[in-house]
Amino acid sequence: MVMKLNIADPETGKTYQEEIKEGRENEVIGKEIGDIIDGRIIDYPGYEFKITGGSDKQGFPMRKSLPGSTRKRILLSGGAGFKPRRKGERRRKSVRGRVINEEIVQINCIITKKGSKKFLTKKEKEAQEELKTEN
């Protein structure tokens, strides 16, 4: 399954979505929320990304306070995986642990170190592909 990186740029406030190249998923497996990923896994040398969260193939979010990579039902009063509707509300919800495994399909991260190559938005990528097909 394809892993996607949602990369937030704190300087511009924009978010970019990139796919991890096939065969390079193993470089991310075993990392935890808060660890640093090298930009070479998505062909952006010089960049470094800090993992801030993610979700698995069924959509369950990762939670930093839960060790391991398994899915568990825990009692939540707020934070990732639960937004209380009333003051003091708690609810048992299913969430993923903080370690990335094969079942994680989306990884959220922020840029901690910039490289020389510029990120392109979806529209800019489409425009670039149209130019390539016209030529």
N, C-alpha and C. Protein backbone atom coordinates (compact mmCIF):
# COMPACT_ATOMS: atom_id res chain seq x y z
N MET A 1 0.83 -1.17 0.00
CA MET A 1 0.00 0.00 0.00
C MET A 1 0.88 1.25 0.00
N VAL A 2 0.44 2.29 -0.66
CA VAL A 2 1.20 3.53 -0.80
C VAL A 2 1.08 4.36 0.47
N MET A 3 2.22 4.82 0.97
CA MET A 3 2.23 5.73 2.12
C MET A 3 2.31 7.16 1.61
N LYS A 4 1.52 8.04 2.22
CA LYS A 4 1.54 9.44 1.83
C LYS A 4 2.04 10.29 2.99
N LEU A 5 2.77 11.34 2.64
CA LEU A 5 3.23 12.30 3.63
C LEU A 5 2.45 13.58 3.44
N ASN A 6 1.83 14.07 4.51
CA ASN A 6 1.24 15.40 4.52
C ASN A 6 2.26 16.30 5.18
N ILE A 7 2.85 17.19 4.40
CA ILE A 7 3.96 18.00 4.89
C ILE A 7 3.48 19.43 5.09
N ALA A 8 3.56 19.92 6.33
CA ALA A 8 3.17 21.29 6.64
C ALA A 8 4.41 22.18 6.66
N ASP A 9 4.29 23.32 6.01
CA ASP A 9 5.37 24.31 6.02
C ASP A 9 4.98 25.42 6.99
N PRO A 10 5.63 25.49 8.16
CA PRO A 10 5.23 26.48 9.15
C PRO A 10 5.48 27.93 8.72
N GLU A 11 6.39 28.15 7.77
CA GLU A 11 6.68 29.51 7.31
C GLU A 11 5.57 30.07 6.43
N THR A 12 5.04 29.25 5.52
CA THR A 12 4.02 29.71 4.59
C THR A 12 2.61 29.34 5.02
N GLY A 13 2.48 28.33 5.87
CA GLY A 13 1.16 27.87 6.29
C GLY A 13 0.53 26.90 5.30
N LYS A 14 1.27 26.50 4.27
CA LYS A 14 0.74 25.58 3.26
C LYS A 14 1.07 24.14 3.63
N THR A 15 0.26 23.23 3.09
CA THR A 15 0.48 21.80 3.28
C THR A 15 0.63 21.14 1.91
N TYR A 16 1.62 20.27 1.80
CA TYR A 16 1.89 19.56 0.55
C TYR A 16 1.73 18.07 0.79
N GLN A 17 1.21 17.37 -0.23
CA GLN A 17 1.06 15.93 -0.11
C GLN A 17 1.98 15.25 -1.10
N GLU A 18 2.82 14.35 -0.58
CA GLU A 18 3.78 13.61 -1.41
C GLU A 18 3.65 12.13 -1.08
N GLU A 19 3.92 11.28 -2.08
CA GLU A 19 3.91 9.84 -1.86
C GLU A 19 5.33 9.36 -1.64
N ILE A 20 5.49 8.44 -0.70
CA ILE A 20 6.79 7.83 -0.46
C ILE A 20 7.05 6.85 -1.60
N LYS A 21 8.21 6.96 -2.20
CA LYS A 21 8.56 6.12 -3.34
C LYS A 21 8.52 4.64 -2.95
N GLU A 22 8.10 3.81 -3.90
CA GLU A 22 7.99 2.38 -3.63
C GLU A 22 9.35 1.79 -3.29
N GLY A 23 9.39 0.99 -2.23
CA GLY A 23 10.62 0.39 -1.77
C GLY A 23 11.30 1.19 -0.67
N ARG A 24 10.86 2.42 -0.46
CA ARG A 24 11.46 3.25 0.58
C ARG A 24 10.59 3.33 1.83
N GLU A 25 9.48 2.62 1.86
CA GLU A 25 8.60 2.63 3.03
C GLU A 25 9.31 2.09 4.28
N ASN A 26 10.26 1.16 4.06
CA ASN A 26 10.96 0.54 5.18
C ASN A 26 11.80 1.54 5.98
N GLU A 27 12.18 2.65 5.34
CA GLU A 27 12.96 3.67 6.05
C GLU A 27 12.11 4.40 7.09
N VAL A 28 10.80 4.36 6.93
CA VAL A 28 9.89 5.06 7.84
C VAL A 28 9.32 4.11 8.90
N ILE A 29 9.16 2.84 8.55
CA ILE A 29 8.59 1.87 9.48
C ILE A 29 9.48 1.73 10.71
N GLY A 30 8.86 1.81 11.87
CA GLY A 30 9.58 1.74 13.14
C GLY A 30 9.83 3.09 13.76
N LYS A 31 9.66 4.17 12.98
CA LYS A 31 9.83 5.52 13.54
C LYS A 31 8.60 5.86 14.39
N GLU A 32 8.78 6.81 15.31
CA GLU A 32 7.70 7.22 16.21
C GLU A 32 7.33 8.67 15.97
N ILE A 33 6.20 9.08 16.53
CA ILE A 33 5.81 10.48 16.49
C ILE A 33 6.89 11.28 17.22
N GLY A 34 7.38 12.33 16.59
CA GLY A 34 8.45 13.15 17.16
C GLY A 34 9.81 12.87 16.54
N ASP A 35 9.95 11.74 15.81
CA ASP A 35 11.22 11.42 15.15
C ASP A 35 11.39 12.24 13.88
N ILE A 36 12.63 12.30 13.38
CA ILE A 36 12.96 13.05 12.18
C ILE A 36 13.11 12.10 10.99
N ILE A 37 12.52 12.48 9.84
CA ILE A 37 12.63 11.72 8.59
C ILE A 37 13.48 12.53 7.62
N ASP A 38 14.35 11.86 6.87
CA ASP A 38 15.16 12.51 5.86
C ASP A 38 14.33 12.72 4.60
N GLY A 39 14.52 13.84 3.92
CA GLY A 39 13.75 14.17 2.72
C GLY A 39 14.08 13.34 1.51
N ARG A 40 15.17 12.58 1.55
CA ARG A 40 15.55 11.76 0.39
C ARG A 40 14.52 10.67 0.07
N ILE A 41 13.70 10.28 1.05
CA ILE A 41 12.72 9.22 0.77
C ILE A 41 11.63 9.67 -0.20
N ILE A 42 11.48 11.00 -0.37
CA ILE A 42 10.52 11.51 -1.36
C ILE A 42 11.23 12.38 -2.40
N ASP A 43 12.53 12.18 -2.55
CA ASP A 43 13.37 12.89 -3.53
C ASP A 43 13.44 14.39 -3.27
N TYR A 44 13.56 14.77 -2.00
CA TYR A 44 13.80 16.15 -1.61
C TYR A 44 15.03 16.19 -0.71
N PRO A 45 16.25 16.06 -1.30
CA PRO A 45 17.46 16.05 -0.47
C PRO A 45 17.66 17.38 0.23
N GLY A 46 18.19 17.31 1.44
CA GLY A 46 18.44 18.50 2.23
C GLY A 46 17.31 18.84 3.19
N TYR A 47 16.12 18.29 2.94
CA TYR A 47 14.98 18.53 3.81
C TYR A 47 14.97 17.54 4.97
N GLU A 48 14.42 17.97 6.09
CA GLU A 48 14.16 17.08 7.22
C GLU A 48 12.75 17.37 7.71
N PHE A 49 12.02 16.30 8.05
CA PHE A 49 10.64 16.42 8.50
C PHE A 49 10.47 15.77 9.87
N LYS A 50 9.69 16.41 10.73
CA LYS A 50 9.38 15.86 12.05
C LYS A 50 7.98 15.26 12.00
N ILE A 51 7.85 14.00 12.41
CA ILE A 51 6.56 13.32 12.39
C ILE A 51 5.67 13.88 13.50
N THR A 52 4.46 14.30 13.14
CA THR A 52 3.52 14.83 14.13
C THR A 52 2.29 13.96 14.33
N GLY A 53 2.08 12.97 13.47
CA GLY A 53 0.92 12.09 13.61
C GLY A 53 0.71 11.29 12.35
N GLY A 54 -0.51 10.77 12.21
CA GLY A 54 -0.85 9.97 11.04
C GLY A 54 -2.12 9.19 11.27
N SER A 55 -2.47 8.35 10.28
CA SER A 55 -3.64 7.50 10.43
C SER A 55 -3.43 6.21 9.65
N ASP A 56 -4.17 5.17 10.06
CA ASP A 56 -4.02 3.86 9.40
C ASP A 56 -5.00 3.72 8.25
N LYS A 57 -5.02 2.54 7.62
CA LYS A 57 -5.83 2.34 6.42
C LYS A 57 -7.33 2.39 6.68
N GLN A 58 -7.75 2.22 7.94
CA GLN A 58 -9.17 2.34 8.28
C GLN A 58 -9.52 3.75 8.77
N GLY A 59 -8.52 4.63 8.89
CA GLY A 59 -8.77 6.01 9.28
C GLY A 59 -8.58 6.31 10.75
N PHE A 60 -8.13 5.34 11.54
CA PHE A 60 -7.92 5.58 12.97
C PHE A 60 -6.63 6.39 13.17
N PRO A 61 -6.70 7.47 13.97
CA PRO A 61 -5.53 8.34 14.13
C PRO A 61 -4.48 7.76 15.06
N MET A 62 -3.24 8.21 14.87
CA MET A 62 -2.15 7.84 15.76
C MET A 62 -2.18 8.78 16.96
N ARG A 63 -1.79 8.27 18.11
CA ARG A 63 -1.79 9.08 19.33
C ARG A 63 -0.44 8.94 20.02
N LYS A 64 0.18 10.07 20.35
CA LYS A 64 1.52 10.08 20.91
C LYS A 64 1.59 9.42 22.28
N SER A 65 0.51 9.48 23.06
CA SER A 65 0.53 8.94 24.42
C SER A 65 0.38 7.42 24.48
N LEU A 66 0.12 6.77 23.35
CA LEU A 66 -0.09 5.33 23.33
C LEU A 66 1.15 4.62 22.76
N PRO A 67 1.86 3.82 23.58
CA PRO A 67 3.07 3.15 23.08
C PRO A 67 2.73 2.02 22.10
N GLY A 68 3.69 1.68 21.26
CA GLY A 68 3.51 0.59 20.32
C GLY A 68 2.86 1.03 19.04
N SER A 69 2.46 0.04 18.22
CA SER A 69 1.85 0.35 16.93
C SER A 69 0.47 -0.27 16.77
N THR A 70 -0.04 -0.91 17.82
CA THR A 70 -1.33 -1.58 17.72
C THR A 70 -2.48 -0.59 17.90
N ARG A 71 -3.66 -1.04 17.51
CA ARG A 71 -4.86 -0.25 17.71
C ARG A 71 -5.51 -0.68 19.03
N LYS A 72 -5.87 0.30 19.85
CA LYS A 72 -6.49 0.01 21.14
C LYS A 72 -7.67 0.94 21.37
N ARG A 73 -8.60 0.47 22.19
CA ARG A 73 -9.73 1.32 22.61
C ARG A 73 -9.39 1.88 23.98
N ILE A 74 -9.24 3.21 24.03
CA ILE A 74 -8.88 3.84 25.29
C ILE A 74 -9.89 4.95 25.62
N LEU A 75 -9.98 5.29 26.89
CA LEU A 75 -10.88 6.34 27.36
C LEU A 75 -10.22 7.70 27.13
N LEU A 76 -10.87 8.52 26.31
CA LEU A 76 -10.31 9.82 25.94
C LEU A 76 -11.18 10.96 26.45
N SER A 77 -10.52 12.06 26.79
CA SER A 77 -11.26 13.26 27.18
C SER A 77 -10.91 14.42 26.25
N GLY A 78 -10.12 14.17 25.23
CA GLY A 78 -9.74 15.19 24.25
C GLY A 78 -8.46 14.79 23.55
N GLY A 79 -7.99 15.65 22.66
CA GLY A 79 -6.76 15.37 21.92
C GLY A 79 -7.04 14.61 20.63
N ALA A 80 -6.00 14.02 20.07
CA ALA A 80 -6.12 13.30 18.80
C ALA A 80 -7.07 12.12 18.94
N GLY A 81 -8.07 12.06 18.08
CA GLY A 81 -9.00 10.95 18.08
C GLY A 81 -10.35 11.22 18.73
N PHE A 82 -10.50 12.35 19.44
CA PHE A 82 -11.77 12.65 20.10
C PHE A 82 -11.90 14.13 20.38
N LYS A 83 -13.04 14.69 19.99
CA LYS A 83 -13.36 16.09 20.27
C LYS A 83 -14.62 16.10 21.14
N PRO A 84 -14.49 16.42 22.44
CA PRO A 84 -15.66 16.38 23.32
C PRO A 84 -16.71 17.43 22.93
N ARG A 85 -17.98 17.05 23.05
CA ARG A 85 -19.08 17.96 22.72
C ARG A 85 -19.52 18.76 23.94
N ARG A 86 -19.33 18.17 25.13
CA ARG A 86 -19.71 18.85 26.37
C ARG A 86 -18.50 18.91 27.29
N LYS A 87 -18.52 19.83 28.23
CA LYS A 87 -17.44 19.97 29.19
C LYS A 87 -17.37 18.72 30.07
N GLY A 88 -16.18 18.15 30.20
CA GLY A 88 -15.99 16.97 31.04
C GLY A 88 -16.36 15.65 30.39
N GLU A 89 -16.77 15.67 29.14
CA GLU A 89 -17.17 14.43 28.46
C GLU A 89 -15.96 13.55 28.18
N ARG A 90 -16.13 12.24 28.41
CA ARG A 90 -15.11 11.25 28.09
C ARG A 90 -15.77 10.14 27.30
N ARG A 91 -15.00 9.53 26.44
CA ARG A 91 -15.56 8.46 25.61
C ARG A 91 -14.45 7.47 25.25
N ARG A 92 -14.83 6.21 25.12
CA ARG A 92 -13.88 5.17 24.71
C ARG A 92 -13.82 5.15 23.18
N LYS A 93 -12.62 5.36 22.64
CA LYS A 93 -12.43 5.41 21.20
C LYS A 93 -11.23 4.55 20.80
N SER A 94 -11.24 4.10 19.55
CA SER A 94 -10.11 3.33 19.01
C SER A 94 -9.09 4.28 18.42
N VAL A 95 -7.82 4.10 18.80
CA VAL A 95 -6.72 4.91 18.27
C VAL A 95 -5.51 4.00 18.05
N ARG A 96 -4.57 4.46 17.23
CA ARG A 96 -3.33 3.75 16.94
C ARG A 96 -2.23 4.21 17.88
N GLY A 97 -1.24 3.38 18.08
CA GLY A 97 -0.07 3.74 18.86
C GLY A 97 0.83 4.70 18.11
N ARG A 98 1.92 5.13 18.73
CA ARG A 98 2.79 6.16 18.15
C ARG A 98 3.85 5.65 17.19
N VAL A 99 3.98 4.33 17.04
CA VAL A 99 5.00 3.77 16.16
C VAL A 99 4.40 3.47 14.78
N ILE A 100 5.11 3.83 13.72
CA ILE A 100 4.65 3.61 12.35
C ILE A 100 4.91 2.15 11.96
N ASN A 101 3.88 1.51 11.38
CA ASN A 101 4.04 0.15 10.86
C ASN A 101 3.45 0.08 9.44
N GLU A 102 3.30 -1.11 8.89
CA GLU A 102 2.83 -1.28 7.51
C GLU A 102 1.40 -0.81 7.31
N GLU A 103 0.60 -0.76 8.36
CA GLU A 103 -0.81 -0.41 8.23
C GLU A 103 -1.06 1.09 8.19
N ILE A 104 -0.05 1.89 8.47
CA ILE A 104 -0.18 3.34 8.42
C ILE A 104 -0.10 3.78 6.95
N VAL A 105 -1.07 4.57 6.50
CA VAL A 105 -1.08 5.03 5.11
C VAL A 105 -0.84 6.53 4.98
N GLN A 106 -1.05 7.27 6.06
CA GLN A 106 -0.85 8.71 6.01
C GLN A 106 0.01 9.15 7.19
N ILE A 107 1.06 9.90 6.91
CA ILE A 107 1.94 10.40 7.95
C ILE A 107 1.93 11.92 7.87
N ASN A 108 1.60 12.56 8.99
CA ASN A 108 1.62 14.01 9.06
C ASN A 108 2.97 14.46 9.59
N CYS A 109 3.55 15.49 9.00
CA CYS A 109 4.84 15.98 9.46
C CYS A 109 5.00 17.46 9.13
N ILE A 110 6.00 18.08 9.77
CA ILE A 110 6.31 19.48 9.50
C ILE A 110 7.76 19.58 9.05
N ILE A 111 8.06 20.63 8.31
CA ILE A 111 9.43 20.85 7.83
C ILE A 111 10.25 21.44 8.96
N THR A 112 11.37 20.78 9.29
CA THR A 112 12.27 21.31 10.32
C THR A 112 13.54 21.88 9.70
N LYS A 113 13.92 21.39 8.52
CA LYS A 113 15.10 21.88 7.83
C LYS A 113 14.79 21.92 6.33
N LYS A 114 15.07 23.05 5.69
CA LYS A 114 14.76 23.20 4.27
C LYS A 114 15.96 22.89 3.41
N GLY A 115 15.67 22.37 2.23
CA GLY A 115 16.69 22.09 1.23
C GLY A 115 16.59 23.08 0.09
N SER A 116 17.23 22.78 -1.02
CA SER A 116 17.26 23.71 -2.15
C SER A 116 16.06 23.53 -3.09
N LYS A 117 15.53 22.33 -3.21
CA LYS A 117 14.42 22.05 -4.11
C LYS A 117 13.12 22.61 -3.53
N LYS A 118 12.29 23.21 -4.38
CA LYS A 118 11.05 23.84 -3.94
C LYS A 118 9.89 22.86 -4.04
N PHE A 119 9.00 22.88 -3.03
CA PHE A 119 7.79 22.06 -3.09
C PHE A 119 6.80 22.69 -4.05
N LEU A 120 6.06 21.85 -4.78
CA LEU A 120 5.05 22.32 -5.71
C LEU A 120 3.67 21.94 -5.20
N THR A 121 2.69 22.85 -5.39
CA THR A 121 1.31 22.52 -5.03
C THR A 121 0.74 21.60 -6.11
N LYS A 122 -0.44 21.07 -5.87
CA LYS A 122 -1.08 20.16 -6.80
C LYS A 122 -1.32 20.83 -8.15
N LYS A 123 -1.77 22.10 -8.13
CA LYS A 123 -2.02 22.83 -9.37
C LYS A 123 -0.73 23.06 -10.15
N GLU A 124 0.35 23.39 -9.45
CA GLU A 124 1.64 23.61 -10.11
C GLU A 124 2.17 22.32 -10.73
N LYS A 125 1.95 21.18 -10.06
CA LYS A 125 2.38 19.89 -10.61
C LYS A 125 1.60 19.56 -11.88
N GLU A 126 0.27 19.80 -11.86
CA GLU A 126 -0.56 19.53 -13.03
C GLU A 126 -0.14 20.40 -14.21
N ALA A 127 0.14 21.67 -13.94
CA ALA A 127 0.57 22.58 -15.00
C ALA A 127 1.91 22.13 -15.59
N GLN A 128 2.81 21.66 -14.74
CA GLN A 128 4.11 21.18 -15.19
C GLN A 128 3.96 19.93 -16.07
N GLU A 129 3.04 19.03 -15.68
CA GLU A 129 2.81 17.81 -16.47
C GLU A 129 2.19 18.14 -17.83
N GLU A 130 1.30 19.15 -17.87
CA GLU A 130 0.70 19.55 -19.15
C GLU A 130 1.78 20.08 -20.09
N LEU A 131 2.72 20.86 -19.56
CA LEU A 131 3.80 21.37 -20.40
C LEU A 131 4.66 20.25 -20.96
N LYS A 132 4.89 19.22 -20.15
CA LYS A 132 5.70 18.08 -20.61
C LYS A 132 4.98 17.32 -21.72
N THR A 133 3.65 17.13 -21.59
CA THR A 133 2.91 16.39 -22.60
C THR A 133 2.77 17.18 -23.90
N GLU A 134 2.72 18.53 -23.82
CA GLU A 134 2.61 19.36 -25.03
C GLU A 134 3.92 19.34 -25.81
N ASN A 135 5.05 19.25 -25.14
CA ASN A 135 6.34 19.29 -25.83
C ASN A 135 6.72 17.98 -26.35
